Amino acid sequence: MSQSRFPRRGITLVELMVVLAILAVVMSVATLARPSTVATPTDSAAAVVALARTTALATGHAVTKTVQVDGRPRMVTAFSDGIVVADSTLDIDPLTGFRPDTLNDQWERHVR
């Protein structure tokens, strides 16, 4: 066997590609493990209504949830077409699922 005058130094392209593939897998797992940064309503009742509406739109089935308002349970039903039926004390717009005083804020977030 003959030895090269120059000792092998550095890395091969295959080794580099393997390392990059491993890093890509680790980064994707880390990204999926992070909590979502999607804006959520600060009001817990509004969050339940938004979740019910989103679930109903995604599954195509009506979703009924119970929310606590002033210590009393209130029913909210979201249908597969996006319409939300809720107790009048929640003051929810049936077409959007949001309270009327927050419609402008929600619309601006949606448009951006």
Protein backbone atom coordinates (compact mmCIF):
# COMPACT_ATOMS: atom_id res chain seq x y z
CA MET A 1 0.00 0.00 0.00
CA SER A 2 1.20 3.38 -0.85
CA GLN A 3 0.57 6.32 1.35
CA SER A 4 -0.14 9.76 0.04
CA ARG A 5 2.40 12.42 0.76
CA PHE A 6 -0.41 14.58 2.04
CA PRO A 7 -2.37 13.33 5.05
CA ARG A 8 -6.13 13.52 4.69
CA ARG A 9 -7.48 16.63 6.39
CA GLY A 10 -10.95 18.16 6.40
CA ILE A 11 -14.32 16.64 5.74
CA THR A 12 -15.97 15.15 2.72
CA LEU A 13 -19.13 16.41 1.10
CA VAL A 14 -21.03 13.33 2.28
CA GLU A 15 -20.04 13.97 5.90
CA LEU A 16 -21.15 17.59 5.58
CA MET A 17 -24.52 16.57 4.12
CA VAL A 18 -25.10 14.06 6.95
CA VAL A 19 -24.41 16.72 9.57
CA LEU A 20 -26.74 19.19 7.82
CA ALA A 21 -29.50 16.58 7.64
CA ILE A 22 -29.17 15.85 11.37
CA LEU A 23 -29.29 19.58 12.16
CA ALA A 24 -32.42 19.97 10.02
CA VAL A 25 -34.18 17.17 11.91
CA VAL A 26 -33.19 18.63 15.29
CA MET A 27 -34.35 22.12 14.28
CA SER A 28 -37.71 20.83 13.02
CA VAL A 29 -38.32 18.91 16.25
CA ALA A 30 -37.38 21.98 18.29
CA THR A 31 -39.72 24.16 16.23
CA LEU A 32 -42.64 21.77 16.66
CA ALA A 33 -42.01 21.51 20.39
CA ARG A 34 -42.25 25.27 20.87
CA PRO A 35 -45.61 26.63 22.02
CA SER A 36 -47.64 28.38 19.39
CA THR A 37 -47.23 32.14 19.14
CA VAL A 38 -50.61 32.67 17.49
CA ALA A 39 -52.47 35.54 19.08
CA THR A 40 -55.21 34.28 21.37
CA PRO A 41 -58.02 36.26 22.91
CA THR A 42 -57.25 37.48 26.41
CA ASP A 43 -60.80 36.84 27.60
CA SER A 44 -61.20 33.17 28.50
CA ALA A 45 -64.83 33.10 27.31
CA ALA A 46 -63.76 34.60 23.99
CA ALA A 47 -61.01 31.99 23.75
CA VAL A 48 -63.52 29.17 24.24
CA VAL A 49 -65.82 30.64 21.59
CA ALA A 50 -62.94 31.07 19.15
CA LEU A 51 -61.79 27.49 19.74
CA ALA A 52 -65.31 26.13 19.28
CA ARG A 53 -65.73 28.05 16.02
CA THR A 54 -62.34 26.97 14.69
CA THR A 55 -63.02 23.35 15.60
CA ALA A 56 -66.47 23.44 13.99
CA LEU A 57 -65.05 24.91 10.78
CA ALA A 58 -62.23 22.37 10.69
CA THR A 59 -64.29 19.26 11.45
CA GLY A 60 -67.53 20.16 9.70
CA HIS A 61 -69.56 19.31 12.82
CA ALA A 62 -71.33 21.53 15.34
CA VAL A 63 -69.40 22.08 18.56
CA THR A 64 -71.05 23.01 21.86
CA LYS A 65 -69.01 24.40 24.76
CA THR A 66 -69.82 25.74 28.20
CA VAL A 67 -68.21 28.96 29.43
CA GLN A 68 -68.35 30.50 32.87
CA VAL A 69 -69.59 34.10 32.99
CA ASP A 70 -69.94 35.68 36.41
CA GLY A 71 -69.79 32.22 37.93
CA ARG A 72 -72.69 30.91 35.84
CA PRO A 73 -72.40 28.43 33.00
CA ARG A 74 -73.37 29.66 29.54
CA MET A 75 -73.74 27.52 26.42
CA VAL A 76 -72.06 28.33 23.11
CA THR A 77 -72.67 26.37 19.92
CA ALA A 78 -70.56 26.86 16.81
CA PHE A 79 -71.82 25.36 13.57
CA SER A 80 -69.80 24.02 10.64
CA ASP A 81 -70.60 27.10 8.53
CA GLY A 82 -68.99 29.40 11.15
CA ILE A 83 -72.17 30.74 12.73
CA VAL A 84 -72.01 30.97 16.52
CA VAL A 85 -75.10 30.79 18.74
CA ALA A 86 -74.47 31.92 22.31
CA ASP A 87 -76.29 33.12 25.39
CA SER A 88 -77.18 36.81 25.05
CA THR A 89 -75.09 37.70 28.11
CA LEU A 90 -71.95 36.83 26.14
CA ASP A 91 -72.81 39.46 23.48
CA ILE A 92 -71.31 37.39 20.64
CA ASP A 93 -71.82 38.31 16.99
CA PRO A 94 -73.37 35.20 15.38
CA LEU A 95 -71.53 35.58 12.08
CA THR A 96 -68.02 36.23 13.34
CA GLY A 97 -67.98 34.66 16.79
CA PHE A 98 -66.49 37.84 18.30
CA ARG A 99 -67.88 40.47 20.61
CA PRO A 100 -68.98 43.60 18.69
CA ASP A 101 -66.57 45.85 20.58
CA THR A 102 -63.61 43.75 19.36
CA LEU A 103 -64.69 43.30 15.74
CA ASN A 104 -62.49 46.12 14.43
CA ASP A 105 -59.42 44.71 16.19
CA GLN A 106 -60.11 41.20 14.90
CA TRP A 107 -60.69 42.48 11.35
CA GLU A 108 -57.42 44.46 11.38
CA ARG A 109 -55.49 41.36 12.54
CA HIS A 110 -57.14 39.28 9.83
CA VAL A 111 -56.36 41.79 7.07
CA ARG A 112 -52.67 42.13 7.99
